[in-house]
Protein backbone atom coordinates (compact mmCIF):
# COMPACT_ATOMS: atom_id res chain seq x y z
CA MET A 1 87.39 -170.85 -8.82
CA ALA A 2 84.46 -168.45 -8.34
CA LEU A 3 83.59 -168.75 -12.04
CA LEU A 4 83.71 -172.55 -11.82
CA LEU A 5 81.39 -172.59 -8.80
CA PHE A 6 79.04 -170.18 -10.56
CA SER A 7 79.04 -172.45 -13.63
CA ILE A 8 78.21 -175.51 -11.52
CA PHE A 9 75.41 -173.55 -9.85
CA LEU A 10 74.05 -172.61 -13.28
CA SER A 11 74.21 -176.25 -14.39
CA VAL A 12 72.07 -177.38 -11.45
CA ALA A 13 69.68 -174.47 -11.94
CA ALA A 14 69.41 -175.36 -15.64
CA ALA A 15 68.32 -178.89 -14.73
CA LEU A 16 65.60 -177.61 -12.38
CA TYR A 17 64.45 -174.49 -14.24
CA PRO A 18 62.20 -176.17 -16.87
CA HIS A 19 60.39 -178.01 -14.07
CA SER A 20 59.73 -174.86 -12.08
CA PRO A 21 56.00 -174.12 -11.61
CA PHE A 22 56.67 -170.54 -12.70
CA VAL A 23 58.05 -171.71 -16.03
CA ASN A 24 56.08 -174.93 -16.43
CA PRO A 25 52.86 -174.48 -14.44
CA GLU A 26 51.10 -177.35 -16.21
CA GLY A 27 53.94 -179.80 -15.55
CA ASN A 28 54.56 -180.55 -19.22
CA ILE A 29 57.16 -183.13 -20.20
CA VAL A 30 60.63 -181.69 -20.69
CA GLY A 31 62.83 -183.33 -23.32
CA VAL A 32 62.03 -185.11 -26.57
CA ASP A 33 63.51 -188.49 -25.61
CA ILE A 34 62.44 -188.61 -21.98
CA LEU A 35 59.59 -191.09 -22.51
CA HIS A 36 61.99 -193.53 -24.21
CA TYR A 37 64.29 -193.40 -21.18
CA VAL A 38 61.40 -193.87 -18.76
CA GLU A 39 60.08 -196.84 -20.73
CA ILE A 40 63.43 -198.65 -20.82
CA ALA A 41 64.37 -197.66 -17.25
CA GLU A 42 61.15 -199.24 -15.98
CA ILE A 43 62.22 -202.51 -17.61
CA VAL A 44 65.64 -202.28 -15.95
CA ASP A 45 63.98 -201.38 -12.64
CA ARG A 46 62.31 -204.80 -12.63
CA ASP A 47 65.59 -206.59 -13.42
CA VAL A 48 68.82 -204.58 -13.39
CA SER A 49 70.67 -207.25 -15.41
CA LEU A 50 68.51 -206.25 -18.39
CA ALA A 51 70.56 -203.05 -18.63
CA PHE A 52 72.99 -205.13 -20.69
CA LYS A 53 70.25 -206.23 -23.09
CA VAL A 54 68.00 -203.23 -23.71
CA TRP A 55 68.88 -201.00 -26.68
CA GLY A 56 70.95 -203.86 -28.07
CA GLY A 57 73.20 -203.90 -25.00
CA HIS A 58 75.22 -200.96 -26.34
CA ARG A 59 74.45 -198.42 -23.60
CA PRO A 60 74.01 -200.14 -20.24
CA ILE A 61 75.84 -197.57 -18.11
CA ILE A 62 73.15 -194.89 -18.35
CA PHE A 63 70.46 -197.30 -17.14
CA ILE A 64 72.65 -198.46 -14.28
CA VAL A 65 73.12 -194.79 -13.34
CA ILE A 66 69.36 -194.17 -13.52
CA TYR A 67 68.76 -197.29 -11.40
CA GLY A 68 71.26 -196.11 -8.77
CA PHE A 69 69.91 -192.54 -8.80
CA GLN A 70 66.37 -193.84 -8.35
CA ARG A 71 67.43 -195.92 -5.34
CA LEU A 72 69.28 -192.91 -3.92
CA LEU A 73 66.18 -190.71 -4.21
CA GLY A 74 63.79 -193.46 -3.17
CA SER A 75 61.55 -192.36 -6.03
CA ASP A 76 59.83 -193.87 -9.01
CA VAL A 77 61.53 -194.25 -12.38
CA SER A 78 59.90 -191.19 -13.95
CA THR A 79 61.11 -188.85 -11.20
CA ALA A 80 64.64 -190.22 -11.40
CA VAL A 81 64.79 -189.74 -15.17
CA ASN A 82 63.28 -186.24 -14.94
CA PHE A 83 65.87 -185.04 -12.46
CA LEU A 84 68.95 -186.96 -13.60
CA PRO A 85 70.32 -183.78 -15.30
CA VAL A 86 70.81 -182.42 -11.78
CA ILE A 87 73.78 -184.81 -11.71
CA LEU A 88 74.71 -184.97 -15.38
CA ASN A 89 74.86 -181.21 -16.00
CA PRO A 90 77.37 -180.35 -13.24
CA LEU A 91 79.34 -183.51 -14.07
CA MET A 92 79.76 -182.35 -17.65
CA ILE A 93 80.80 -178.86 -16.53
CA ALA A 94 83.30 -180.14 -13.95
CA THR A 95 84.87 -182.56 -16.43
CA ALA A 96 85.13 -179.83 -19.09
CA PHE A 97 87.03 -177.78 -16.50
CA PHE A 98 89.28 -180.75 -15.75
CA LEU A 99 90.03 -181.43 -19.42
CA ALA A 100 90.80 -177.77 -20.17
CA HIS A 101 93.03 -177.49 -17.10
CA GLU A 102 95.00 -180.60 -18.05
CA ALA A 103 95.26 -179.52 -21.69
CA PHE A 104 96.40 -175.94 -21.07
CA SER A 105 97.56 -175.84 -17.42
CA ASP A 106 95.64 -172.59 -16.99
CA GLY A 107 92.93 -172.20 -14.36
CA TRP A 108 91.47 -169.13 -16.07
CA ILE A 109 91.03 -170.95 -19.40
CA ALA A 110 89.58 -173.96 -17.57
CA SER A 111 87.08 -171.82 -15.64
CA TRP A 112 85.85 -170.13 -18.80
CA ALA A 113 85.63 -173.53 -20.50
CA ALA A 114 83.27 -174.62 -17.72
CA PHE A 115 81.18 -171.46 -18.13
CA PHE A 116 80.92 -171.71 -21.92
CA THR A 117 80.01 -175.38 -21.59
CA VAL A 118 77.11 -174.74 -19.22
CA CYS A 119 75.89 -171.75 -21.22
CA GLY A 120 76.53 -173.37 -24.57
CA TYR A 121 74.46 -175.71 -26.65
CA GLN A 122 75.57 -178.91 -24.94
CA VAL A 123 73.33 -178.16 -21.96
CA THR A 124 70.48 -176.50 -23.87
CA VAL A 125 70.35 -179.10 -26.65
CA GLY A 126 70.95 -181.85 -24.11
CA MET A 127 67.90 -180.70 -22.14
CA TYR A 128 65.85 -180.10 -25.30
CA SER A 129 66.38 -183.60 -26.70
CA TYR A 130 67.15 -185.20 -23.35
CA PHE A 131 70.46 -186.64 -24.50
CA LEU A 132 71.16 -188.26 -21.14
CA THR A 133 73.44 -190.93 -22.60
CA ASN A 134 75.34 -188.46 -24.75
CA MET A 135 75.80 -186.04 -21.84
CA LEU A 136 77.20 -188.79 -19.63
CA ALA A 137 79.41 -189.95 -22.48
CA LEU A 138 80.87 -186.47 -22.95
CA SER A 139 81.73 -186.35 -19.24
CA LEU A 140 83.54 -189.68 -19.51
CA ALA A 141 85.31 -188.58 -22.70
CA PHE A 142 86.47 -185.34 -21.06
CA LEU A 143 87.73 -187.24 -18.01
CA SER A 144 89.48 -189.89 -20.09
CA LEU A 145 91.24 -187.29 -22.23
CA GLY A 146 92.12 -185.22 -19.17
CA PHE A 147 93.91 -188.15 -17.54
CA LEU A 148 95.53 -189.01 -20.87
CA PHE A 149 96.91 -185.47 -21.18
CA ARG A 150 98.12 -185.64 -17.57
CA PHE A 151 99.85 -188.92 -18.37
CA LEU A 152 101.57 -187.33 -21.35
CA ARG A 153 102.80 -184.53 -19.09
CA ARG A 154 104.07 -186.44 -16.07
CA PHE A 155 104.09 -190.14 -17.16
CA GLY A 156 102.09 -191.35 -14.16
CA LYS A 157 100.97 -194.93 -14.69
CA ILE A 158 97.79 -194.42 -12.66
CA ASP A 159 96.74 -191.66 -15.06
CA LEU A 160 96.94 -194.03 -18.01
CA VAL A 161 95.02 -196.68 -16.08
CA LEU A 162 92.27 -194.20 -15.22
CA SER A 163 92.14 -192.96 -18.80
CA SER A 164 91.76 -196.53 -20.03
CA ILE A 165 89.04 -197.40 -17.50
CA LEU A 166 87.08 -194.29 -18.41
CA GLY A 167 87.51 -195.09 -22.09
CA PHE A 168 86.16 -198.55 -21.34
CA LEU A 169 83.11 -197.06 -19.61
CA LEU A 170 82.65 -194.62 -22.49
CA PHE A 171 82.37 -197.55 -24.88
CA PHE A 172 79.58 -198.98 -22.73
CA THR A 173 77.87 -195.61 -22.42
CA HIS A 174 77.68 -194.18 -25.94
CA PRO A 175 79.68 -195.96 -28.66
CA TRP A 176 79.25 -193.13 -31.15
CA THR A 177 81.05 -190.69 -28.86
CA PHE A 178 83.83 -193.23 -28.38
CA TYR A 179 84.18 -193.64 -32.13
CA GLN A 180 84.42 -189.87 -32.57
CA TYR A 181 87.09 -189.31 -29.91
CA LEU A 182 89.31 -192.39 -30.34
CA PRO A 183 90.65 -192.00 -33.94
CA ALA A 184 92.15 -188.59 -33.15
CA ILE A 185 94.43 -190.28 -30.61
CA PHE A 186 95.85 -192.48 -33.36
CA LEU A 187 96.26 -189.49 -35.67
CA THR A 188 97.96 -187.44 -32.95
CA GLY A 189 100.34 -190.30 -32.13
CA ALA A 190 101.26 -190.76 -35.79
CA ILE A 191 101.99 -187.06 -36.28
CA SER A 192 103.95 -186.90 -33.02
CA TRP A 193 105.99 -189.92 -34.04
CA TYR A 194 106.73 -188.34 -37.43
CA ARG A 195 107.82 -185.09 -35.82
CA ASN A 196 109.84 -186.70 -33.02
CA ARG A 197 111.18 -189.97 -34.42
CA ASP A 198 114.37 -189.56 -32.44
CA LYS A 199 112.48 -189.18 -29.14
CA PHE A 200 111.79 -192.68 -27.83
CA PRO A 201 109.57 -191.58 -24.89
CA MET A 202 107.09 -189.96 -27.29
CA VAL A 203 106.86 -193.12 -29.36
CA THR A 204 106.40 -195.24 -26.22
CA ILE A 205 103.71 -192.98 -24.84
CA SER A 206 101.81 -193.00 -28.12
CA LEU A 207 101.94 -196.78 -28.35
CA LEU A 208 100.73 -197.17 -24.77
CA CYS A 209 97.77 -194.90 -25.48
CA PHE A 210 96.90 -196.84 -28.62
CA VAL A 211 97.13 -200.23 -26.92
CA SER A 212 95.21 -199.26 -23.77
CA LEU A 213 92.24 -197.69 -25.52
CA THR A 214 92.13 -200.24 -28.34
CA LEU A 215 92.05 -203.16 -25.90
CA VAL A 216 88.97 -201.86 -24.13
CA GLY A 217 87.25 -201.54 -27.48
CA ILE A 218 88.19 -205.07 -28.49
CA PHE A 219 86.93 -206.40 -25.14
CA LYS A 220 83.57 -204.74 -25.75
CA VAL A 221 83.04 -205.84 -29.32
CA LEU A 222 84.17 -209.43 -28.82
CA ASN A 223 82.32 -210.15 -25.61
CA PHE A 224 79.08 -208.26 -25.88
CA VAL A 225 77.73 -207.03 -29.20
CA GLY A 226 80.02 -208.33 -31.88
CA PHE A 227 82.48 -206.54 -34.07
CA ARG A 228 81.02 -203.11 -34.75
CA PHE A 229 83.97 -200.70 -34.82
CA PHE A 230 84.60 -200.49 -38.55
CA PRO A 231 80.93 -201.02 -39.52
CA VAL A 232 80.18 -197.70 -37.81
CA PHE A 233 82.27 -195.89 -40.38
CA SER A 234 80.75 -198.04 -43.12
CA PHE A 235 77.32 -196.98 -41.87
CA ILE A 236 78.28 -193.32 -42.08
CA LEU A 237 79.53 -193.75 -45.62
CA ALA A 238 76.53 -195.84 -46.66
CA THR A 239 74.05 -193.29 -45.36
CA SER A 240 75.97 -190.19 -46.41
CA GLU A 241 74.04 -187.59 -48.35
CA GLY A 242 76.91 -186.27 -50.43
CA ILE A 243 78.31 -182.80 -50.91
CA SER A 244 75.36 -181.66 -53.04
CA SER A 245 73.04 -181.55 -50.03
CA PHE A 246 75.61 -180.09 -47.64
CA TRP A 247 74.20 -176.56 -47.40
CA ARG A 248 70.59 -177.71 -47.32
CA GLY A 249 71.43 -180.07 -44.47
CA ASN A 250 73.28 -177.37 -42.55
CA THR A 251 70.34 -175.02 -42.90
CA PHE A 252 68.10 -177.65 -41.33
CA ILE A 253 70.57 -178.45 -38.52
CA PHE A 254 71.34 -174.90 -37.46
CA ARG A 255 67.96 -173.25 -38.05
CA TYR A 256 65.35 -175.89 -37.28
CA LEU A 257 66.78 -178.96 -35.54
CA TYR A 258 66.75 -178.74 -31.71
CA GLY A 259 64.88 -175.45 -32.02
CA GLY A 260 67.91 -173.82 -33.67
CA LEU A 261 69.90 -174.00 -30.42
CA LEU A 262 73.09 -175.13 -32.17
CA SER A 263 73.43 -171.80 -33.97
CA TYR A 264 74.58 -169.58 -31.10
CA VAL A 265 76.65 -167.11 -33.10
CA ILE A 266 78.63 -165.54 -30.24
CA LEU A 267 79.69 -168.92 -28.90
CA LEU A 268 80.67 -170.20 -32.34
CA SER A 269 82.59 -167.01 -33.14
CA LEU A 270 84.64 -167.28 -29.95
CA ALA A 271 85.29 -170.95 -30.70
CA LEU A 272 86.51 -170.16 -34.22
CA ILE A 273 88.97 -167.61 -32.79
CA GLY A 274 90.21 -170.17 -30.28
CA ILE A 275 90.64 -172.85 -32.96
CA TYR A 276 92.58 -170.45 -35.17
CA LEU A 277 94.96 -169.47 -32.36
CA MET A 278 95.77 -172.97 -31.10
CA ASP A 279 99.42 -174.05 -31.01
CA ARG A 280 99.63 -177.25 -33.04
CA LYS A 281 103.13 -177.98 -31.72
CA ASN A 282 101.67 -178.83 -28.31
CA ILE A 283 100.52 -182.47 -28.31
CA ASN A 284 97.32 -181.67 -26.40
CA GLU A 285 96.34 -178.97 -28.87
CA LEU A 286 97.48 -181.22 -31.71
CA TYR A 287 94.95 -183.80 -30.52
CA LEU A 288 92.17 -181.21 -30.47
CA THR A 289 93.11 -180.12 -33.98
CA GLY A 290 93.15 -183.71 -35.21
CA PHE A 291 89.81 -184.32 -33.53
CA LEU A 292 88.30 -181.37 -35.37
CA ALA A 293 89.83 -182.43 -38.67
CA LEU A 294 88.44 -185.97 -38.50
CA THR A 295 85.09 -184.74 -37.25
CA SER A 296 84.92 -182.29 -40.15
CA ILE A 297 85.48 -185.06 -42.70
CA PHE A 298 82.50 -187.08 -41.47
CA PHE A 299 80.48 -183.91 -40.94
CA LEU A 300 81.00 -183.08 -44.59
CA ILE A 301 79.48 -186.34 -45.87
CA GLY A 302 77.17 -187.45 -43.06
CA THR A 303 73.39 -187.29 -42.85
CA ASN A 304 71.66 -184.56 -40.89
CA MET A 305 71.42 -186.81 -37.83
CA ILE A 306 75.11 -187.69 -37.98
CA LYS A 307 76.11 -184.06 -38.57
CA SER A 308 74.14 -182.83 -35.58
CA ARG A 309 75.57 -185.43 -33.20
CA LEU A 310 79.13 -184.89 -34.42
CA PHE A 311 78.70 -181.16 -33.84
CA TYR A 312 77.11 -181.70 -30.44
CA ASN A 313 80.09 -183.78 -29.29
CA ILE A 314 82.67 -181.06 -30.03
CA PRO A 315 84.08 -179.63 -26.76
CA ILE A 316 82.85 -176.22 -27.82
CA GLY A 317 83.30 -174.68 -24.37
CA ILE A 318 87.05 -175.26 -24.47
CA PHE A 319 87.48 -173.70 -27.90
CA ALA A 320 85.30 -170.72 -26.95
CA SER A 321 87.36 -170.26 -23.79
CA LEU A 322 90.56 -170.12 -25.83
CA GLY A 323 89.03 -167.50 -28.08
CA PHE A 324 87.66 -165.35 -25.28
CA ASN A 325 90.88 -165.54 -23.26
CA SER A 326 92.86 -164.40 -26.28
CA ILE A 327 90.62 -161.31 -26.42
CA ILE A 328 90.69 -160.34 -22.76
CA ARG A 329 94.48 -160.81 -22.66
CA LEU A 330 95.01 -158.24 -25.37
CA ASN A 331 96.69 -154.96 -24.47
CA ILE A 332 93.45 -153.17 -23.64
CA SER A 333 92.31 -151.19 -20.61
CA GLU A 334 91.14 -152.98 -17.49
CA ASP A 335 87.81 -151.19 -17.67
CA LEU A 336 87.18 -152.54 -21.17
CA LYS A 337 88.09 -156.03 -20.01
CA LYS A 338 85.58 -155.78 -17.16
CA ILE A 339 82.90 -154.60 -19.58
CA LEU A 340 83.62 -157.52 -21.93
CA ILE A 341 83.54 -160.05 -19.10
CA THR A 342 80.28 -158.62 -17.71
CA PHE A 343 78.71 -158.59 -21.19
CA VAL A 344 79.67 -162.20 -21.87
CA ILE A 345 78.47 -163.49 -18.50
CA LEU A 346 75.13 -161.72 -18.75
CA THR A 347 74.55 -162.55 -22.42
CA PHE A 348 75.36 -166.23 -22.07
CA THR A 349 73.34 -166.61 -18.87
CA VAL A 350 70.31 -165.02 -20.52
CA TYR A 351 70.76 -167.32 -23.55
CA LEU A 352 70.81 -170.35 -21.26
CA PHE A 353 67.62 -169.59 -19.36
CA ARG A 354 65.66 -168.18 -22.29
CA SER A 355 66.51 -171.32 -24.28
CA LEU A 356 65.41 -173.54 -21.38
CA ALA A 357 62.17 -171.58 -20.97
CA ASN A 358 61.31 -172.37 -24.59
CA LEU A 359 61.43 -176.11 -23.87
CA VAL A 360 57.93 -175.95 -22.42
């Protein structure tokens, strides 16, 4: 619990740090996309119903959140947009904790997942590019999956309802994140059904998950912006760069794009260990494996923009937590464990604030 509270504290500090007069004495703008949000939020401020029309009507939730946050602060639009990460950062960290706890039923793994999320690239890149919509979408995706995993464990109807509602909101928040997370549920259900064809509850649960999340998608596409589910995948294929440019694109993504913040070697190394050690027999870990597999397919053929957003949406903190926990639970001395934990906390905290300082 102490590590979770520390992570939440770091998330709030990360939102305020680039605006500090000691770091940003000239009050420079923080975040690449911030002016776009301010411009659209000012339109919504004059008429909140326009939240369902701006940006093609695909992402109204973020502008409703900005509108509500502005009213709560009693500030202008620019101030509300500038300080919205004060809410979004801790929300993303808390939901990463919730998802990890529901997936692995381990408070230690969940606490480290929260820490690696706040000190990983999802906060630093999110602040760099000001991915407010994507950050909110990840929080909703983590919550939706967390309740779905809880439903699979204890069959509570309210958990499935909450998962469906959150999936519905995710569709209205950031469709691309929805499209990345939803197909893995179908894949997981199909594999589970194949492995457990004689277990009727598993088949029933899988079908309920499919129906609940598919219905919210159909409601969105039929009533608001037309049928866009399959065209998204067509768009990815139509704009794909092919295997020949794979390494050149990766060099750009990990060395130059977002200031190179995606290429945090220690974080990625821990995540790779965690991915390797996952138990694919567990349905929750089977979902995460399927999610990575499908993401990897589109990552292989997508453009640089698609690659970077697919990579950004990976719950990297959870995978890194699995890797780090596998290390500190080895048969090693307690002193060495304390040294490793201290090293990781200090190194990742320094990475977070040094990265944020470079934003201005």
